[in-house]
Amino acid sequence: MINGINGETNIKELVEDNDYSLLDGTFYDINELPGRDMSKIPHPFIIETMEIFEDSIYRNSIHFIHLNHTNPALNKNSNEYKKIIYNGFNIVERGNIFNL
Protein backbone atom coordinates (compact mmCIF):
# COMPACT_ATOMS: atom_id res chain seq x y z
CA MET A 1 0.00 0.00 0.00
CA ILE A 2 1.10 3.54 -0.71
CA ASN A 3 -0.38 6.84 0.34
CA GLY A 4 -2.37 8.28 -2.52
CA ILE A 5 -4.49 11.35 -3.07
CA ASN A 6 -7.62 9.63 -1.76
CA GLY A 7 -6.05 7.53 1.00
CA GLU A 8 -4.09 4.35 0.53
CA THR A 9 -3.60 2.76 -2.88
CA ASN A 10 -2.54 -0.80 -3.59
CA ILE A 11 0.50 -0.22 -5.78
CA LYS A 12 0.51 -3.82 -7.03
CA GLU A 13 -3.06 -3.51 -8.34
CA LEU A 14 -2.25 -0.15 -9.90
CA VAL A 15 0.73 -1.58 -11.79
CA GLU A 16 -1.24 -4.66 -12.89
CA ASP A 17 -3.97 -2.43 -14.36
CA ASN A 18 -1.58 -0.49 -16.62
CA ASP A 19 0.66 -1.26 -19.58
CA TYR A 20 3.38 1.06 -18.28
CA SER A 21 4.03 2.31 -14.77
CA LEU A 22 6.30 5.31 -14.32
CA LEU A 23 7.34 5.08 -10.68
CA ASP A 24 9.43 7.37 -8.54
CA GLY A 25 13.08 6.37 -8.49
CA THR A 26 14.51 9.43 -6.76
CA PHE A 27 16.72 7.42 -4.42
CA TYR A 28 18.15 3.95 -4.83
CA ASP A 29 18.41 3.17 -1.11
CA ILE A 30 18.68 4.70 2.36
CA ASN A 31 22.47 5.09 2.09
CA GLU A 32 22.37 7.56 -0.77
CA LEU A 33 22.54 10.75 1.30
CA PRO A 34 24.87 10.11 4.24
CA GLY A 35 24.12 12.29 7.23
CA ARG A 36 20.54 13.02 6.12
CA ASP A 37 17.46 11.69 7.88
CA MET A 38 15.85 9.91 4.92
CA SER A 39 12.56 9.59 6.82
CA LYS A 40 12.20 13.36 6.28
CA ILE A 41 12.38 12.89 2.50
CA PRO A 42 9.11 11.21 1.38
CA HIS A 43 10.29 9.17 -1.60
CA PRO A 44 10.21 5.39 -1.87
CA PHE A 45 13.55 3.73 -2.53
CA ILE A 46 14.07 1.79 -5.76
CA ILE A 47 15.17 -1.25 -3.77
CA GLU A 48 11.90 -1.16 -1.81
CA THR A 49 9.87 -1.09 -5.01
CA MET A 50 11.91 -3.95 -6.45
CA GLU A 51 11.23 -5.99 -3.30
CA ILE A 52 7.49 -5.38 -3.59
CA PHE A 53 7.48 -6.58 -7.21
CA GLU A 54 10.23 -9.24 -7.05
CA ASP A 55 7.76 -12.06 -7.80
CA SER A 56 5.47 -10.07 -10.09
CA ILE A 57 5.15 -10.82 -13.79
CA TYR A 58 4.48 -7.09 -14.25
CA ARG A 59 7.90 -5.82 -13.13
CA ASN A 60 8.99 -5.33 -16.76
CA SER A 61 6.23 -2.71 -17.11
CA ILE A 62 7.81 -0.61 -14.33
CA HIS A 63 9.99 2.29 -15.43
CA PHE A 64 11.77 4.33 -12.78
CA ILE A 65 11.70 8.09 -13.30
CA HIS A 66 12.85 11.20 -11.44
CA LEU A 67 16.27 9.88 -10.37
CA ASN A 68 18.15 12.27 -8.10
CA HIS A 69 21.61 13.40 -9.24
CA THR A 70 23.06 11.34 -6.35
CA ASN A 71 21.33 8.13 -7.49
CA PRO A 72 23.95 5.56 -8.55
CA ALA A 73 21.40 4.04 -10.96
CA LEU A 74 22.07 6.98 -13.29
CA ASN A 75 25.40 5.35 -14.14
CA LYS A 76 24.87 2.45 -16.56
CA ASN A 77 28.11 0.89 -15.33
CA SER A 78 27.07 0.87 -11.67
CA ASN A 79 26.06 -2.28 -9.83
CA GLU A 80 22.79 -0.57 -8.87
CA TYR A 81 21.84 0.10 -12.50
CA LYS A 82 22.77 -3.45 -13.48
CA LYS A 83 20.73 -4.90 -10.61
CA ILE A 84 17.63 -2.95 -11.68
CA ILE A 85 17.90 -4.12 -15.29
CA TYR A 86 18.90 -7.70 -14.37
CA ASN A 87 15.79 -7.98 -12.18
CA GLY A 88 13.52 -7.01 -15.08
CA PHE A 89 12.82 -3.36 -14.26
CA ASN A 90 13.54 -0.31 -16.43
CA ILE A 91 14.98 3.18 -16.03
CA VAL A 92 13.52 5.88 -18.23
CA GLU A 93 15.98 7.76 -20.39
CA ARG A 94 15.59 10.98 -22.32
CA GLY A 95 13.96 10.16 -25.65
CA ASN A 96 12.05 7.06 -24.52
CA ILE A 97 8.76 6.66 -26.34
CA PHE A 98 5.81 4.79 -24.88
CA ASN A 99 3.19 3.64 -27.37
CA LEU A 100 -0.26 3.93 -25.89
PDB file of N, CA and C in Angstrom:
ATOM      1  N   MET A   1       0.837  -1.178   0.000  1.00  0.00           N
ATOM      2  CA  MET A   1       0.000   0.000   0.000  1.00  0.00           C
ATOM      3  C   MET A   1       0.886   1.246   0.000  1.00  0.00           C
ATOM      4  N   ILE A   2       0.415   2.250  -0.712  1.00  0.00           N
ATOM      5  CA  ILE A   2       1.100   3.542  -0.707  1.00  0.00           C
ATOM      6  C   ILE A   2       0.069   4.615  -0.395  1.00  0.00           C
ATOM      7  N   ASN A   3       0.522   5.740   0.098  1.00  0.00           N
ATOM      8  CA  ASN A   3      -0.380   6.845   0.337  1.00  0.00           C
ATOM      9  C   ASN A   3      -0.668   7.526  -0.978  1.00  0.00           C
ATOM     10  N   GLY A   4      -1.948   7.630  -1.294  1.00  0.00           N
ATOM     11  CA  GLY A   4      -2.368   8.283  -2.520  1.00  0.00           C
ATOM     12  C   GLY A   4      -3.183   9.514  -2.214  1.00  0.00           C
ATOM     13  N   ILE A   5      -3.702  10.134  -3.230  1.00  0.00           N
ATOM     14  CA  ILE A   5      -4.494  11.346  -3.072  1.00  0.00           C
ATOM     15  C   ILE A   5      -5.742  11.080  -2.241  1.00  0.00           C
ATOM     16  N   ASN A   6      -6.386   9.946  -2.471  1.00  0.00           N
ATOM     17  CA  ASN A   6      -7.622   9.626  -1.762  1.00  0.00           C
ATOM     18  C   ASN A   6      -7.417   8.521  -0.731  1.00  0.00           C
ATOM     19  N   GLY A   7      -6.326   8.569   0.015  1.00  0.00           N
ATOM     20  CA  GLY A   7      -6.053   7.533   1.002  1.00  0.00           C
ATOM     21  C   GLY A   7      -4.999   6.580   0.497  1.00  0.00           C
ATOM     22  N   GLU A   8      -5.090   5.332   0.927  1.00  0.00           N
ATOM     23  CA  GLU A   8      -4.087   4.348   0.534  1.00  0.00           C
ATOM     24  C   GLU A   8      -4.458   3.675  -0.775  1.00  0.00           C
ATOM     25  N   THR A   9      -3.434   3.397  -1.579  1.00  0.00           N
ATOM     26  CA  THR A   9      -3.601   2.759  -2.877  1.00  0.00           C
ATOM     27  C   THR A   9      -2.758   1.492  -2.901  1.00  0.00           C
ATOM     28  N   ASN A  10      -3.304   0.434  -3.447  1.00  0.00           N
ATOM     29  CA  ASN A  10      -2.544  -0.803  -3.594  1.00  0.00           C
ATOM     30  C   ASN A  10      -1.689  -0.671  -4.851  1.00  0.00           C
ATOM     31  N   ILE A  11      -0.403  -0.470  -4.652  1.00  0.00           N
ATOM     32  CA  ILE A  11       0.502  -0.222  -5.776  1.00  0.00           C
ATOM     33  C   ILE A  11       0.568  -1.418  -6.719  1.00  0.00           C
ATOM     34  N   LYS A  12       0.451  -2.626  -6.175  1.00  0.00           N
ATOM     35  CA  LYS A  12       0.506  -3.817  -7.031  1.00  0.00           C
ATOM     36  C   LYS A  12      -0.692  -3.844  -7.987  1.00  0.00           C
ATOM     37  N   GLU A  13      -1.864  -3.541  -7.486  1.00  0.00           N
ATOM     38  CA  GLU A  13      -3.057  -3.505  -8.342  1.00  0.00           C
ATOM     39  C   GLU A  13      -2.931  -2.404  -9.384  1.00  0.00           C
ATOM     40  N   LEU A  14      -2.412  -1.273  -8.988  1.00  0.00           N
ATOM     41  CA  LEU A  14      -2.252  -0.147  -9.902  1.00  0.00           C
ATOM     42  C   LEU A  14      -1.323  -0.514 -11.056  1.00  0.00           C
ATOM     43  N   VAL A  15      -0.212  -1.163 -10.753  1.00  0.00           N
ATOM     44  CA  VAL A  15       0.734  -1.579 -11.790  1.00  0.00           C
ATOM     45  C   VAL A  15       0.098  -2.638 -12.690  1.00  0.00           C
ATOM     46  N   GLU A  16      -0.613  -3.594 -12.109  1.00  0.00           N
ATOM     47  CA  GLU A  16      -1.243  -4.659 -12.891  1.00  0.00           C
ATOM     48  C   GLU A  16      -2.306  -4.135 -13.849  1.00  0.00           C
ATOM     49  N   ASP A  17      -2.897  -2.996 -13.535  1.00  0.00           N
ATOM     50  CA  ASP A  17      -3.968  -2.425 -14.356  1.00  0.00           C
ATOM     51  C   ASP A  17      -3.460  -1.516 -15.471  1.00  0.00           C
ATOM     52  N   ASN A  18      -2.144  -1.401 -15.622  1.00  0.00           N
ATOM     53  CA  ASN A  18      -1.585  -0.489 -16.619  1.00  0.00           C
ATOM     54  C   ASN A  18      -0.502  -1.162 -17.449  1.00  0.00           C
ATOM     55  N   ASP A  19      -0.377  -0.721 -18.706  1.00  0.00           N
ATOM     56  CA  ASP A  19       0.664  -1.261 -19.580  1.00  0.00           C
ATOM     57  C   ASP A  19       2.047  -0.773 -19.173  1.00  0.00           C
ATOM     58  N   TYR A  20       2.136   0.461 -18.715  1.00  0.00           N
ATOM     59  CA  TYR A  20       3.384   1.062 -18.278  1.00  0.00           C
ATOM     60  C   TYR A  20       3.140   1.724 -16.936  1.00  0.00           C
ATOM     61  N   SER A  21       4.107   1.620 -16.053  1.00  0.00           N
ATOM     62  CA  SER A  21       4.033   2.309 -14.769  1.00  0.00           C
ATOM     63  C   SER A  21       5.313   3.108 -14.598  1.00  0.00           C
ATOM     64  N   LEU A  22       5.171   4.411 -14.526  1.00  0.00           N
ATOM     65  CA  LEU A  22       6.304   5.308 -14.324  1.00  0.00           C
ATOM     66  C   LEU A  22       6.351   5.618 -12.836  1.00  0.00           C
ATOM     67  N   LEU A  23       7.274   4.973 -12.140  1.00  0.00           N
ATOM     68  CA  LEU A  23       7.336   5.077 -10.684  1.00  0.00           C
ATOM     69  C   LEU A  23       8.548   5.882 -10.231  1.00  0.00           C
ATOM     70  N   ASP A  24       8.382   6.537  -9.100  1.00  0.00           N
ATOM     71  CA  ASP A  24       9.428   7.371  -8.538  1.00  0.00           C
ATOM     72  C   ASP A  24      10.682   6.562  -8.240  1.00  0.00           C
ATOM     73  N   GLY A  25      11.795   7.023  -8.735  1.00  0.00           N
ATOM     74  CA  GLY A  25      13.077   6.373  -8.486  1.00  0.00           C
ATOM     75  C   GLY A  25      14.092   7.365  -7.962  1.00  0.00           C
ATOM     76  N   THR A  26      13.627   8.367  -7.225  1.00  0.00           N
ATOM     77  CA  THR A  26      14.513   9.432  -6.761  1.00  0.00           C
ATOM     78  C   THR A  26      15.766   8.892  -6.100  1.00  0.00           C
ATOM     79  N   PHE A  27      15.579   7.968  -5.158  1.00  0.00           N
ATOM     80  CA  PHE A  27      16.716   7.423  -4.420  1.00  0.00           C
ATOM     81  C   PHE A  27      16.771   5.917  -4.590  1.00  0.00           C
ATOM     82  N   TYR A  28      17.981   5.396  -4.706  1.00  0.00           N
ATOM     83  CA  TYR A  28      18.151   3.952  -4.830  1.00  0.00           C
ATOM     84  C   TYR A  28      17.934   3.257  -3.483  1.00  0.00           C
ATOM     85  N   ASP A  29      18.581   3.762  -2.441  1.00  0.00           N
ATOM     86  CA  ASP A  29      18.408   3.173  -1.111  1.00  0.00           C
ATOM     87  C   ASP A  29      18.675   4.212  -0.028  1.00  0.00           C
ATOM     88  N   ILE A  30      18.563   3.797   1.214  1.00  0.00           N
ATOM     89  CA  ILE A  30      18.680   4.703   2.360  1.00  0.00           C
ATOM     90  C   ILE A  30      20.088   5.278   2.522  1.00  0.00           C
ATOM     91  N   ASN A  31      21.074   4.666   1.924  1.00  0.00           N
ATOM     92  CA  ASN A  31      22.468   5.087   2.087  1.00  0.00           C
ATOM     93  C   ASN A  31      22.898   6.181   1.119  1.00  0.00           C
ATOM     94  N   GLU A  32      21.983   6.648   0.303  1.00  0.00           N
ATOM     95  CA  GLU A  32      22.366   7.563  -0.773  1.00  0.00           C
ATOM     96  C   GLU A  32      22.784   8.947  -0.289  1.00  0.00           C
ATOM     97  N   LEU A  33      22.189   9.428   0.777  1.00  0.00           N
ATOM     98  CA  LEU A  33      22.538  10.749   1.298  1.00  0.00           C
ATOM     99  C   LEU A  33      23.046  10.617   2.729  1.00  0.00           C
ATOM    100  N   PRO A  34      24.318  10.291   2.890  1.00  0.00           N
ATOM    101  CA  PRO A  34      24.868  10.111   4.236  1.00  0.00           C
ATOM    102  C   PRO A  34      24.671  11.370   5.082  1.00  0.00           C
ATOM    103  N   GLY A  35      24.301  11.160   6.327  1.00  0.00           N
ATOM    104  CA  GLY A  35      24.116  12.289   7.225  1.00  0.00           C
ATOM    105  C   GLY A  35      22.738  12.919   7.161  1.00  0.00           C
ATOM    106  N   ARG A  36      21.898  12.477   6.231  1.00  0.00           N
ATOM    107  CA  ARG A  36      20.538  13.025   6.120  1.00  0.00           C
ATOM    108  C   ARG A  36      19.545  12.031   6.695  1.00  0.00           C
ATOM    109  N   ASP A  37      18.533  12.534   7.367  1.00  0.00           N
ATOM    110  CA  ASP A  37      17.455  11.689   7.878  1.00  0.00           C
ATOM    111  C   ASP A  37      16.508  11.422   6.722  1.00  0.00           C
ATOM    112  N   MET A  38      16.643  10.234   6.119  1.00  0.00           N
ATOM    113  CA  MET A  38      15.854   9.910   4.921  1.00  0.00           C
ATOM    114  C   MET A  38      14.368   9.787   5.225  1.00  0.00           C
ATOM    115  N   SER A  39      13.986   9.635   6.484  1.00  0.00           N
ATOM    116  CA  SER A  39      12.562   9.589   6.821  1.00  0.00           C
ATOM    117  C   SER A  39      11.908  10.954   6.614  1.00  0.00           C
ATOM    118  N   LYS A  40      12.704  11.988   6.521  1.00  0.00           N
ATOM    119  CA  LYS A  40      12.197  13.356   6.282  1.00  0.00           C
ATOM    120  C   LYS A  40      12.020  13.646   4.791  1.00  0.00           C
ATOM    121  N   ILE A  41      12.473  12.707   3.948  1.00  0.00           N
ATOM    122  CA  ILE A  41      12.379  12.885   2.498  1.00  0.00           C
ATOM    123  C   ILE A  41      11.407  11.823   1.977  1.00  0.00           C
ATOM    124  N   PRO A  42      10.162  12.199   1.691  1.00  0.00           N
ATOM    125  CA  PRO A  42       9.112  11.213   1.380  1.00  0.00           C
ATOM    126  C   PRO A  42       9.151  10.631  -0.035  1.00  0.00           C
ATOM    127  N   HIS A  43      10.193   9.867  -0.312  1.00  0.00           N
ATOM    128  CA  HIS A  43      10.291   9.174  -1.596  1.00  0.00           C
ATOM    129  C   HIS A  43      10.559   7.703  -1.311  1.00  0.00           C
ATOM    130  N   PRO A  44       9.886   6.811  -2.043  1.00  0.00           N
ATOM    131  CA  PRO A  44      10.212   5.387  -1.867  1.00  0.00           C
ATOM    132  C   PRO A  44      11.581   5.111  -2.489  1.00  0.00           C
ATOM    133  N   PHE A  45      12.256   4.119  -1.973  1.00  0.00           N
ATOM    134  CA  PHE A  45      13.545   3.728  -2.535  1.00  0.00           C
ATOM    135  C   PHE A  45      13.321   2.710  -3.648  1.00  0.00           C
ATOM    136  N   ILE A  46      14.165   2.758  -4.661  1.00  0.00           N
ATOM    137  CA  ILE A  46      14.066   1.794  -5.762  1.00  0.00           C
ATOM    138  C   ILE A  46      14.151   0.374  -5.223  1.00  0.00           C
ATOM    139  N   ILE A  47      15.040   0.123  -4.279  1.00  0.00           N
ATOM    140  CA  ILE A  47      15.172  -1.249  -3.770  1.00  0.00           C
ATOM    141  C   ILE A  47      13.902  -1.711  -3.066  1.00  0.00           C
ATOM    142  N   GLU A  48      13.170  -0.794  -2.444  1.00  0.00           N
ATOM    143  CA  GLU A  48      11.897  -1.160  -1.814  1.00  0.00           C
ATOM    144  C   GLU A  48      10.866  -1.548  -2.869  1.00  0.00           C
ATOM    145  N   THR A  49      10.810  -0.786  -3.936  1.00  0.00           N
ATOM    146  CA  THR A  49       9.870  -1.090  -5.015  1.00  0.00           C
ATOM    147  C   THR A  49      10.221  -2.421  -5.659  1.00  0.00           C
ATOM    148  N   MET A  50      11.502  -2.673  -5.856  1.00  0.00           N
ATOM    149  CA  MET A  50      11.905  -3.946  -6.449  1.00  0.00           C
ATOM    150  C   MET A  50      11.540  -5.120  -5.539  1.00  0.00           C
ATOM    151  N   GLU A  51      11.625  -4.934  -4.236  1.00  0.00           N
ATOM    152  CA  GLU A  51      11.231  -5.992  -3.304  1.00  0.00           C
ATOM    153  C   GLU A  51       9.732  -6.265  -3.391  1.00  0.00           C
ATOM    154  N   ILE A  52       8.941  -5.218  -3.492  1.00  0.00           N
ATOM    155  CA  ILE A  52       7.489  -5.376  -3.591  1.00  0.00           C
ATOM    156  C   ILE A  52       7.112  -6.187  -4.830  1.00  0.00           C
ATOM    157  N   PHE A  53       7.833  -5.958  -5.927  1.00  0.00           N
ATOM    158  CA  PHE A  53       7.484  -6.579  -7.208  1.00  0.00           C
ATOM    159  C   PHE A  53       8.422  -7.723  -7.607  1.00  0.00           C
ATOM    160  N   GLU A  54       9.235  -8.230  -6.688  1.00  0.00           N
ATOM    161  CA  GLU A  54      10.227  -9.238  -7.053  1.00  0.00           C
ATOM    162  C   GLU A  54       9.610 -10.498  -7.650  1.00  0.00           C
ATOM    163  N   ASP A  55       8.405 -10.863  -7.265  1.00  0.00           N
ATOM    164  CA  ASP A  55       7.756 -12.065  -7.800  1.00  0.00           C
ATOM    165  C   ASP A  55       6.658 -11.743  -8.812  1.00  0.00           C
ATOM    166  N   SER A  56       6.544 -10.493  -9.190  1.00  0.00           N
ATOM    167  CA  SER A  56       5.471 -10.071 -10.089  1.00  0.00           C
ATOM    168  C   SER A  56       5.857 -10.246 -11.555  1.00  0.00           C
ATOM    169  N   ILE A  57       4.921 -10.720 -12.344  1.00  0.00           N
ATOM    170  CA  ILE A  57       5.153 -10.819 -13.789  1.00  0.00           C
ATOM    171  C   ILE A  57       5.051  -9.445 -14.454  1.00  0.00           C
ATOM    172  N   TYR A  58       4.662  -8.434 -13.701  1.00  0.00           N
ATOM    173  CA  TYR A  58       4.476  -7.085 -14.246  1.00  0.00           C
ATOM    174  C   TYR A  58       5.681  -6.177 -14.034  1.00  0.00           C
ATOM    175  N   ARG A  59       6.766  -6.696 -13.438  1.00  0.00           N
ATOM    176  CA  ARG A  59       7.900  -5.816 -13.129  1.00  0.00           C
ATOM    177  C   ARG A  59       8.521  -5.219 -14.389  1.00  0.00           C
ATOM    178  N   ASN A  60       8.408  -5.899 -15.533  1.00  0.00           N
ATOM    179  CA  ASN A  60       8.986  -5.332 -16.762  1.00  0.00           C
ATOM    180  C   ASN A  60       8.193  -4.140 -17.283  1.00  0.00           C
ATOM    181  N   SER A  61       7.013  -3.885 -16.708  1.00  0.00           N
ATOM    182  CA  SER A  61       6.234  -2.705 -17.105  1.00  0.00           C
ATOM    183  C   SER A  61       6.578  -1.493 -16.242  1.00  0.00           C
ATOM    184  N   ILE A  62       7.427  -1.699 -15.236  1.00  0.00           N
ATOM    185  CA  ILE A  62       7.810  -0.612 -14.325  1.00  0.00           C
ATOM    186  C   ILE A  62       9.042   0.100 -14.863  1.00  0.00           C
ATOM    187  N   HIS A  63       8.909   1.422 -14.957  1.00  0.00           N
ATOM    188  CA  HIS A  63       9.989   2.287 -15.435  1.00  0.00           C
ATOM    189  C   HIS A  63      10.244   3.335 -14.349  1.00  0.00           C
ATOM    190  N   PHE A  64      11.440   3.353 -13.820  1.00  0.00           N
ATOM    191  CA  PHE A  64      11.773   4.326 -12.783  1.00  0.00           C
ATOM    192  C   PHE A  64      12.087   5.673 -13.410  1.00  0.00           C
ATOM    193  N   ILE A  65      11.503   6.712 -12.831  1.00  0.00           N
ATOM    194  CA  ILE A  65      11.701   8.086 -13.301  1.00  0.00           C
ATOM    195  C   ILE A  65      12.188   8.950 -12.133  1.00  0.00           C
ATOM    196  N   HIS A  66      12.563  10.178 -12.440  1.00  0.00           N
ATOM    197  CA  HIS A  66      12.847  11.202 -11.437  1.00  0.00           C
ATOM    198  C   HIS A  66      14.042  10.829 -10.562  1.00  0.00           C
ATOM    199  N   LEU A  67      15.095  10.274 -11.146  1.00  0.00           N
ATOM    200  CA  LEU A  67      16.272   9.876 -10.375  1.00  0.00           C
ATOM    201  C   LEU A  67      17.066  11.110  -9.950  1.00  0.00           C
ATOM    202  N   ASN A  68      17.372  11.181  -8.660  1.00  0.00           N
ATOM    203  CA  ASN A  68      18.150  12.271  -8.102  1.00  0.00           C
ATOM    204  C   ASN A  68      19.583  12.228  -8.654  1.00  0.00           C
ATOM    205  N   HIS A  69      20.247  13.359  -8.716  1.00  0.00           N
ATOM    206  CA  HIS A  69      21.614  13.397  -9.240  1.00  0.00           C
ATOM    207  C   HIS A  69      22.585  12.551  -8.423  1.00  0.00           C
ATOM    208  N   THR A  70      22.218  12.189  -7.191  1.00  0.00           N
ATOM    209  CA  THR A  70      23.063  11.341  -6.352  1.00  0.00           C
ATOM    210  C   THR A  70      22.767   9.852  -6.544  1.00  0.00           C
ATOM    211  N   ASN A  71      21.758   9.526  -7.333  1.00  0.00           N
ATOM    212  CA  ASN A  71      21.328   8.134  -7.493  1.00  0.00           C
ATOM    213  C   ASN A  71      22.348   7.364  -8.343  1.00  0.00           C
ATOM    214  N   PRO A  72      22.956   6.312  -7.787  1.00  0.00           N
ATOM    215  CA  PRO A  72      23.946   5.555  -8.550  1.00  0.00           C
ATOM    216  C   PRO A  72      23.357   4.850  -9.772  1.00  0.00           C
ATOM    217  N   ALA A  73      22.045   4.695  -9.818  1.00  0.00           N
ATOM    218  CA  ALA A  73      21.405   4.044 -10.962  1.00  0.00           C
ATOM    219  C   ALA A  73      21.462   4.901 -12.224  1.00  0.00           C
ATOM    220  N   LEU A  74      21.883   6.140 -12.102  1.00  0.00           N
ATOM    221  CA  LEU A  74      22.075   6.984 -13.289  1.00  0.00           C
ATOM    222  C   LEU A  74      23.275   6.526 -14.114  1.00  0.00           C
ATOM    223  N   ASN A  75      24.184   5.834 -13.481  1.00  0.00           N
ATOM    224  CA  ASN A  75      25.403   5.350 -14.142  1.00  0.00           C
ATOM    225  C   ASN A  75      25.158   3.933 -14.653  1.00  0.00           C
ATOM    226  N   LYS A  76      25.137   3.762 -15.967  1.00  0.00           N
ATOM    227  CA  LYS A  76      24.868   2.449 -16.558  1.00  0.00           C
ATOM    228  C   LYS A  76      25.919   1.407 -16.206  1.00  0.00           C
ATOM    229  N   ASN A  77      27.066   1.830 -15.732  1.00  0.00           N
ATOM    230  CA  ASN A  77      28.115   0.895 -15.334  1.00  0.00           C
ATOM    231  C   ASN A  77      28.061   0.526 -13.850  1.00  0.00           C
ATOM    232  N   SER A  78      27.137   1.134 -13.110  1.00  0.00           N
ATOM    233  CA  SER A  78      27.066   0.867 -11.671  1.00  0.00           C
ATOM    234  C   SER A  78      26.375  -0.465 -11.392  1.00  0.00           C
ATOM    235  N   ASN A  79      26.713  -1.044 -10.256  1.00  0.00           N
ATOM    236  CA  ASN A  79      26.059  -2.281  -9.827  1.00  0.00           C
ATOM    237  C   ASN A  79      24.569  -2.065  -9.605  1.00  0.00           C
ATOM    238  N   GLU A  80      24.200  -0.875  -9.130  1.00  0.00           N
ATOM    239  CA  GLU A  80      22.791  -0.568  -8.872  1.00  0.00           C
ATOM    240  C   GLU A  80      21.985  -0.567 -10.172  1.00  0.00           C
ATOM    241  N   TYR A  81      22.515   0.091 -11.199  1.00  0.00           N
ATOM    242  CA  TYR A  81      21.843   0.100 -12.504  1.00  0.00           C
ATOM    243  C   TYR A  81      21.693  -1.329 -13.028  1.00  0.00           C
ATOM    244  N   LYS A  82      22.781  -2.074 -12.969  1.00  0.00           N
ATOM    245  CA  LYS A  82      22.774  -3.448 -13.479  1.00  0.00           C
ATOM    246  C   LYS A  82      21.782  -4.317 -12.721  1.00  0.00           C
ATOM    247  N   LYS A  83      21.666  -4.113 -11.410  1.00  0.00           N
ATOM    248  CA  LYS A  83      20.727  -4.899 -10.608  1.00  0.00           C
ATOM    249  C   LYS A  83      19.282  -4.597 -11.022  1.00  0.00           C
ATOM    250  N   ILE A  84      18.982  -3.344 -11.263  1.00  0.00           N
ATOM    251  CA  ILE A  84      17.628  -2.954 -11.683  1.00  0.00           C
ATOM    252  C   ILE A  84      17.278  -3.643 -12.998  1.00  0.00           C
ATOM    253  N   ILE A  85      18.151  -3.540 -13.969  1.00  0.00           N
ATOM    254  CA  ILE A  85      17.902  -4.117 -15.289  1.00  0.00           C
ATOM    255  C   ILE A  85      17.877  -5.648 -15.218  1.00  0.00           C
ATOM    256  N   TYR A  86      18.824  -6.243 -14.506  1.00  0.00           N
ATOM    257  CA  TYR A  86      18.899  -7.701 -14.372  1.00  0.00           C
ATOM    258  C   TYR A  86      17.615  -8.268 -13.766  1.00  0.00           C
ATOM    259  N   ASN A  87      17.010  -7.526 -12.842  1.00  0.00           N
ATOM    260  CA  ASN A  87      15.791  -7.984 -12.179  1.00  0.00           C
ATOM    261  C   ASN A  87      14.516  -7.671 -12.965  1.00  0.00           C
ATOM    262  N   GLY A  88      14.665  -7.177 -14.194  1.00  0.00           N
ATOM    263  CA  GLY A  88      13.516  -7.012 -15.076  1.00  0.00           C
ATOM    264  C   GLY A  88      12.803  -5.683 -15.008  1.00  0.00           C
ATOM    265  N   PHE A  89      13.403  -4.700 -14.346  1.00  0.00           N
ATOM    266  CA  PHE A  89      12.818  -3.361 -14.261  1.00  0.00           C
ATOM    267  C   PHE A  89      13.503  -2.463 -15.292  1.00  0.00           C
ATOM    268  N   ASN A  90      13.019  -1.245 -15.433  1.00  0.00           N
ATOM    269  CA  ASN A  90      13.541  -0.310 -16.426  1.00  0.00           C
ATOM    270  C   ASN A  90      13.834   1.045 -15.792  1.00  0.00           C
ATOM    271  N   ILE A  91      14.708   1.800 -16.421  1.00  0.00           N
ATOM    272  CA  ILE A  91      14.978   3.177 -16.030  1.00  0.00           C
ATOM    273  C   ILE A  91      14.726   4.038 -17.256  1.00  0.00           C
ATOM    274  N   VAL A  92      13.864   5.014 -17.106  1.00  0.00           N
ATOM    275  CA  VAL A  92      13.524   5.881 -18.229  1.00  0.00           C
ATOM    276  C   VAL A  92      14.727   6.749 -18.584  1.00  0.00           C
ATOM    277  N   GLU A  93      14.920   6.907 -19.872  1.00  0.00           N
ATOM    278  CA  GLU A  93      15.984   7.762 -20.387  1.00  0.00           C
ATOM    279  C   GLU A  93      15.370   8.820 -21.291  1.00  0.00           C
ATOM    280  N   ARG A  94      16.048   9.921 -21.412  1.00  0.00           N
ATOM    281  CA  ARG A  94      15.593  10.977 -22.319  1.00  0.00           C
ATOM    282  C   ARG A  94      15.384  10.374 -23.706  1.00  0.00           C
ATOM    283  N   GLY A  95      14.252  10.659 -24.306  1.00  0.00           N
ATOM    284  CA  GLY A  95      13.960  10.160 -25.646  1.00  0.00           C
ATOM    285  C   GLY A  95      13.145   8.885 -25.689  1.00  0.00           C
ATOM    286  N   ASN A  96      12.907   8.264 -24.520  1.00  0.00           N
ATOM    287  CA  ASN A  96      12.052   7.062 -24.518  1.00  0.00           C
ATOM    288  C   ASN A  96      10.671   7.408 -25.048  1.00  0.00           C
ATOM    289  N   ILE A  97      10.105   6.497 -25.799  1.00  0.00           N
ATOM    290  CA  ILE A  97       8.756   6.664 -26.341  1.00  0.00           C
ATOM    291  C   ILE A  97       7.917   5.496 -25.866  1.00  0.00           C
ATOM    292  N   PHE A  98       6.741   5.803 -25.350  1.00  0.00           N
ATOM    293  CA  PHE A  98       5.807   4.792 -24.882  1.00  0.00           C
ATOM    294  C   PHE A  98       4.583   4.820 -25.798  1.00  0.00           C
ATOM    295  N   ASN A  99       4.349   3.740 -26.496  1.00  0.00           N
ATOM    296  CA  ASN A  99       3.195   3.641 -27.371  1.00  0.00           C
ATOM    297  C   ASN A  99       1.967   3.298 -26.554  1.00  0.00           C
ATOM    298  N   LEU A 100       0.978   4.135 -26.655  1.00  0.00           N
ATOM    299  CA  LEU A 100      -0.264   3.929 -25.886  1.00  0.00           C
ATOM    300  C   LEU A 100      -1.367   3.453 -26.808  1.00  0.00           C
TER     301      LEU A 100
END
